[in-house]
Amino acid sequence: MSRRPSAAARVWDAVALVLVLGGGALYAWSHAGMKSIITTQIRAARVDSPNFVRWNGYRQSSNVALALVGVGIVVGVISYLRARREPDAPIA
């Protein structure tokens, strides 16, 4: 029989899940924003153009999103390793 996970283990798992889902949602939002810039009328790209500024904002948010997903995966691995290390407790 397997043992029931502790409350702390469930919190670690929930944090990992929130980080991965939040990062995925932010990445999807960034992708949609970048796609909307591409589909608009293209003018001469200048550093001070509004579309260039928007593109950089979406690019930065997509980098943050990928970092959140990475941190979520690390937290999930840590949660797994912590759960394996805990001594077996009887199921109540």
N, C-alpha and C. Protein backbone atom coordinates (compact mmCIF):
# COMPACT_ATOMS: atom_id res chain seq x y z
N MET A 1 0.83 -1.19 0.00
CA MET A 1 0.00 0.00 0.00
C MET A 1 0.87 1.25 0.00
N SER A 2 0.40 2.23 -0.67
CA SER A 2 1.14 3.50 -0.65
C SER A 2 0.61 4.36 0.48
N ARG A 3 1.43 5.26 0.92
CA ARG A 3 1.04 6.11 2.04
C ARG A 3 0.41 7.40 1.53
N ARG A 4 -0.33 8.04 2.39
CA ARG A 4 -0.99 9.29 2.06
C ARG A 4 0.04 10.43 2.14
N PRO A 5 0.05 11.33 1.14
CA PRO A 5 1.02 12.43 1.20
C PRO A 5 0.68 13.40 2.34
N SER A 6 1.71 14.00 2.88
CA SER A 6 1.51 14.96 3.97
C SER A 6 0.95 16.27 3.43
N ALA A 7 0.49 17.11 4.32
CA ALA A 7 -0.06 18.41 3.92
C ALA A 7 1.03 19.28 3.28
N ALA A 8 2.24 19.19 3.81
CA ALA A 8 3.35 19.97 3.24
C ALA A 8 3.66 19.52 1.82
N ALA A 9 3.60 18.21 1.58
CA ALA A 9 3.85 17.69 0.23
C ALA A 9 2.78 18.18 -0.74
N ARG A 10 1.56 18.27 -0.28
CA ARG A 10 0.49 18.77 -1.15
C ARG A 10 0.67 20.25 -1.46
N VAL A 11 1.16 21.00 -0.49
CA VAL A 11 1.42 22.43 -0.74
C VAL A 11 2.53 22.59 -1.78
N TRP A 12 3.60 21.81 -1.65
CA TRP A 12 4.68 21.85 -2.64
C TRP A 12 4.14 21.52 -4.03
N ASP A 13 3.31 20.49 -4.11
CA ASP A 13 2.74 20.11 -5.40
C ASP A 13 1.84 21.20 -5.96
N ALA A 14 1.05 21.84 -5.10
CA ALA A 14 0.16 22.91 -5.54
C ALA A 14 0.97 24.11 -6.05
N VAL A 15 2.04 24.44 -5.36
CA VAL A 15 2.89 25.56 -5.79
C VAL A 15 3.50 25.25 -7.16
N ALA A 16 3.98 24.04 -7.34
CA ALA A 16 4.56 23.65 -8.63
C ALA A 16 3.51 23.74 -9.74
N LEU A 17 2.31 23.28 -9.45
CA LEU A 17 1.25 23.32 -10.45
C LEU A 17 0.86 24.75 -10.81
N VAL A 18 0.75 25.62 -9.81
CA VAL A 18 0.40 27.01 -10.06
C VAL A 18 1.48 27.70 -10.89
N LEU A 19 2.74 27.43 -10.58
CA LEU A 19 3.83 28.05 -11.34
C LEU A 19 3.83 27.59 -12.80
N VAL A 20 3.63 26.31 -13.03
CA VAL A 20 3.64 25.80 -14.40
C VAL A 20 2.43 26.31 -15.18
N LEU A 21 1.23 26.24 -14.57
CA LEU A 21 0.03 26.71 -15.26
C LEU A 21 0.06 28.23 -15.48
N GLY A 22 0.52 28.97 -14.48
CA GLY A 22 0.62 30.42 -14.63
C GLY A 22 1.62 30.81 -15.70
N GLY A 23 2.76 30.14 -15.73
CA GLY A 23 3.76 30.40 -16.75
C GLY A 23 3.25 30.05 -18.14
N GLY A 24 2.53 28.94 -18.23
CA GLY A 24 1.95 28.55 -19.52
C GLY A 24 0.92 29.54 -20.02
N ALA A 25 0.08 30.03 -19.10
CA ALA A 25 -0.92 31.02 -19.48
C ALA A 25 -0.27 32.34 -19.91
N LEU A 26 0.75 32.76 -19.18
CA LEU A 26 1.45 34.00 -19.54
C LEU A 26 2.16 33.85 -20.89
N TYR A 27 2.71 32.67 -21.15
CA TYR A 27 3.36 32.43 -22.43
C TYR A 27 2.35 32.47 -23.57
N ALA A 28 1.17 31.87 -23.36
CA ALA A 28 0.13 31.89 -24.39
C ALA A 28 -0.34 33.32 -24.65
N TRP A 29 -0.48 34.11 -23.59
CA TRP A 29 -0.88 35.51 -23.75
C TRP A 29 0.18 36.29 -24.53
N SER A 30 1.44 36.06 -24.22
CA SER A 30 2.54 36.74 -24.93
C SER A 30 2.56 36.33 -26.40
N HIS A 31 2.34 35.07 -26.66
CA HIS A 31 2.33 34.59 -28.04
C HIS A 31 1.19 35.24 -28.82
N ALA A 32 0.02 35.32 -28.20
CA ALA A 32 -1.11 35.94 -28.87
C ALA A 32 -0.85 37.43 -29.13
N GLY A 33 -0.21 38.09 -28.19
CA GLY A 33 0.13 39.50 -28.38
C GLY A 33 1.12 39.71 -29.50
N MET A 34 2.14 38.85 -29.56
CA MET A 34 3.11 38.95 -30.65
C MET A 34 2.47 38.67 -32.00
N LYS A 35 1.55 37.70 -32.01
CA LYS A 35 0.87 37.36 -33.25
C LYS A 35 -0.01 38.52 -33.72
N SER A 36 -0.63 39.22 -32.78
CA SER A 36 -1.47 40.36 -33.16
C SER A 36 -0.64 41.50 -33.75
N ILE A 37 0.58 41.66 -33.29
CA ILE A 37 1.45 42.69 -33.86
C ILE A 37 1.85 42.30 -35.29
N ILE A 38 2.09 41.03 -35.51
CA ILE A 38 2.50 40.57 -36.84
C ILE A 38 1.36 40.76 -37.85
N THR A 39 0.12 40.53 -37.42
CA THR A 39 -1.00 40.62 -38.35
C THR A 39 -1.44 42.05 -38.62
N THR A 40 -0.97 43.02 -37.86
CA THR A 40 -1.32 44.41 -38.14
C THR A 40 -0.50 44.91 -39.32
N GLN A 41 -0.88 46.05 -39.83
CA GLN A 41 -0.18 46.61 -40.98
C GLN A 41 1.27 46.92 -40.61
N ILE A 42 2.16 46.43 -41.44
CA ILE A 42 3.59 46.59 -41.16
C ILE A 42 4.07 47.92 -41.73
N ARG A 43 4.71 48.69 -40.88
CA ARG A 43 5.34 49.94 -41.30
C ARG A 43 6.84 49.80 -41.09
N ALA A 44 7.55 50.84 -41.39
CA ALA A 44 9.00 50.80 -41.18
C ALA A 44 9.27 50.59 -39.69
N ALA A 45 10.04 49.58 -39.36
CA ALA A 45 10.34 49.28 -37.97
C ALA A 45 11.41 50.23 -37.45
N ARG A 46 11.03 51.00 -36.45
CA ARG A 46 11.98 51.90 -35.80
C ARG A 46 12.00 51.55 -34.32
N VAL A 47 13.09 51.89 -33.69
CA VAL A 47 13.24 51.56 -32.26
C VAL A 47 12.19 52.28 -31.43
N ASP A 48 11.78 53.46 -31.82
CA ASP A 48 10.82 54.21 -31.03
C ASP A 48 9.37 53.97 -31.49
N SER A 49 9.13 53.04 -32.41
CA SER A 49 7.77 52.80 -32.87
C SER A 49 6.97 52.06 -31.79
N PRO A 50 5.67 52.29 -31.71
CA PRO A 50 4.84 51.63 -30.70
C PRO A 50 4.85 50.10 -30.82
N ASN A 51 4.86 49.60 -32.04
CA ASN A 51 4.87 48.15 -32.22
C ASN A 51 6.18 47.54 -31.72
N PHE A 52 7.28 48.24 -31.89
CA PHE A 52 8.56 47.74 -31.40
C PHE A 52 8.55 47.67 -29.87
N VAL A 53 7.99 48.68 -29.25
CA VAL A 53 7.91 48.70 -27.78
C VAL A 53 6.99 47.59 -27.30
N ARG A 54 5.85 47.40 -27.96
CA ARG A 54 4.93 46.32 -27.58
C ARG A 54 5.60 44.96 -27.76
N TRP A 55 6.31 44.78 -28.88
CA TRP A 55 6.98 43.51 -29.13
C TRP A 55 7.99 43.20 -28.03
N ASN A 56 8.77 44.18 -27.63
CA ASN A 56 9.74 43.95 -26.54
C ASN A 56 9.04 43.60 -25.24
N GLY A 57 7.91 44.24 -24.96
CA GLY A 57 7.16 43.90 -23.75
C GLY A 57 6.67 42.46 -23.77
N TYR A 58 6.12 42.04 -24.91
CA TYR A 58 5.66 40.65 -25.03
C TYR A 58 6.83 39.68 -24.96
N ARG A 59 7.96 40.05 -25.55
CA ARG A 59 9.14 39.17 -25.51
C ARG A 59 9.63 39.00 -24.07
N GLN A 60 9.66 40.10 -23.32
CA GLN A 60 10.09 40.01 -21.93
C GLN A 60 9.11 39.18 -21.10
N SER A 61 7.82 39.36 -21.34
CA SER A 61 6.85 38.57 -20.58
C SER A 61 6.92 37.09 -20.95
N SER A 62 7.25 36.78 -22.20
CA SER A 62 7.40 35.37 -22.55
C SER A 62 8.65 34.78 -21.90
N ASN A 63 9.70 35.57 -21.75
CA ASN A 63 10.89 35.08 -21.03
C ASN A 63 10.57 34.82 -19.56
N VAL A 64 9.78 35.71 -18.95
CA VAL A 64 9.36 35.51 -17.56
C VAL A 64 8.50 34.25 -17.46
N ALA A 65 7.63 34.05 -18.45
CA ALA A 65 6.76 32.86 -18.45
C ALA A 65 7.58 31.58 -18.51
N LEU A 66 8.58 31.55 -19.37
CA LEU A 66 9.42 30.36 -19.45
C LEU A 66 10.20 30.14 -18.15
N ALA A 67 10.61 31.22 -17.51
CA ALA A 67 11.30 31.10 -16.22
C ALA A 67 10.34 30.54 -15.16
N LEU A 68 9.08 30.99 -15.17
CA LEU A 68 8.10 30.47 -14.21
C LEU A 68 7.87 28.98 -14.42
N VAL A 69 7.76 28.55 -15.66
CA VAL A 69 7.58 27.12 -15.94
C VAL A 69 8.81 26.34 -15.46
N GLY A 70 9.99 26.87 -15.70
CA GLY A 70 11.21 26.20 -15.24
C GLY A 70 11.27 26.08 -13.73
N VAL A 71 10.90 27.16 -13.04
CA VAL A 71 10.89 27.13 -11.57
C VAL A 71 9.83 26.15 -11.08
N GLY A 72 8.68 26.12 -11.75
CA GLY A 72 7.64 25.15 -11.38
C GLY A 72 8.10 23.72 -11.52
N ILE A 73 8.86 23.43 -12.57
CA ILE A 73 9.39 22.08 -12.75
C ILE A 73 10.39 21.75 -11.66
N VAL A 74 11.24 22.71 -11.32
CA VAL A 74 12.22 22.49 -10.25
C VAL A 74 11.50 22.24 -8.92
N VAL A 75 10.47 23.03 -8.63
CA VAL A 75 9.72 22.84 -7.39
C VAL A 75 9.04 21.47 -7.38
N GLY A 76 8.53 21.04 -8.53
CA GLY A 76 7.92 19.71 -8.62
C GLY A 76 8.93 18.60 -8.37
N VAL A 77 10.13 18.74 -8.90
CA VAL A 77 11.17 17.74 -8.67
C VAL A 77 11.57 17.72 -7.20
N ILE A 78 11.71 18.90 -6.61
CA ILE A 78 12.03 18.97 -5.18
C ILE A 78 10.93 18.33 -4.35
N SER A 79 9.68 18.58 -4.71
CA SER A 79 8.56 17.97 -4.01
C SER A 79 8.61 16.45 -4.09
N TYR A 80 8.93 15.95 -5.27
CA TYR A 80 9.04 14.50 -5.46
C TYR A 80 10.15 13.92 -4.60
N LEU A 81 11.31 14.58 -4.61
CA LEU A 81 12.43 14.07 -3.83
C LEU A 81 12.15 14.13 -2.33
N ARG A 82 11.47 15.19 -1.89
CA ARG A 82 11.11 15.30 -0.47
C ARG A 82 10.13 14.20 -0.07
N ALA A 83 9.18 13.90 -0.95
CA ALA A 83 8.18 12.88 -0.64
C ALA A 83 8.83 11.49 -0.57
N ARG A 84 9.82 11.25 -1.39
CA ARG A 84 10.50 9.96 -1.35
C ARG A 84 11.34 9.80 -0.10
N ARG A 85 11.82 10.92 0.45
CA ARG A 85 12.71 10.88 1.60
C ARG A 85 11.95 10.71 2.91
N GLU A 86 10.67 11.10 2.94
CA GLU A 86 9.91 11.03 4.19
C GLU A 86 9.73 9.56 4.60
N PRO A 87 9.77 9.29 5.90
CA PRO A 87 9.58 7.90 6.36
C PRO A 87 8.14 7.46 6.11
N ASP A 88 7.98 6.17 5.92
CA ASP A 88 6.64 5.63 5.67
C ASP A 88 5.80 5.78 6.92
N ALA A 89 4.60 6.29 6.71
CA ALA A 89 3.64 6.45 7.80
C ALA A 89 2.41 5.62 7.44
N PRO A 90 1.79 5.04 8.43
CA PRO A 90 0.60 4.23 8.13
C PRO A 90 -0.54 5.12 7.63
N ILE A 91 -1.36 4.54 6.80
CA ILE A 91 -2.53 5.27 6.28
C ILE A 91 -3.59 5.27 7.37
N ALA A 92 -4.09 6.44 7.68
CA ALA A 92 -5.10 6.55 8.75
C ALA A 92 -6.48 6.53 8.18
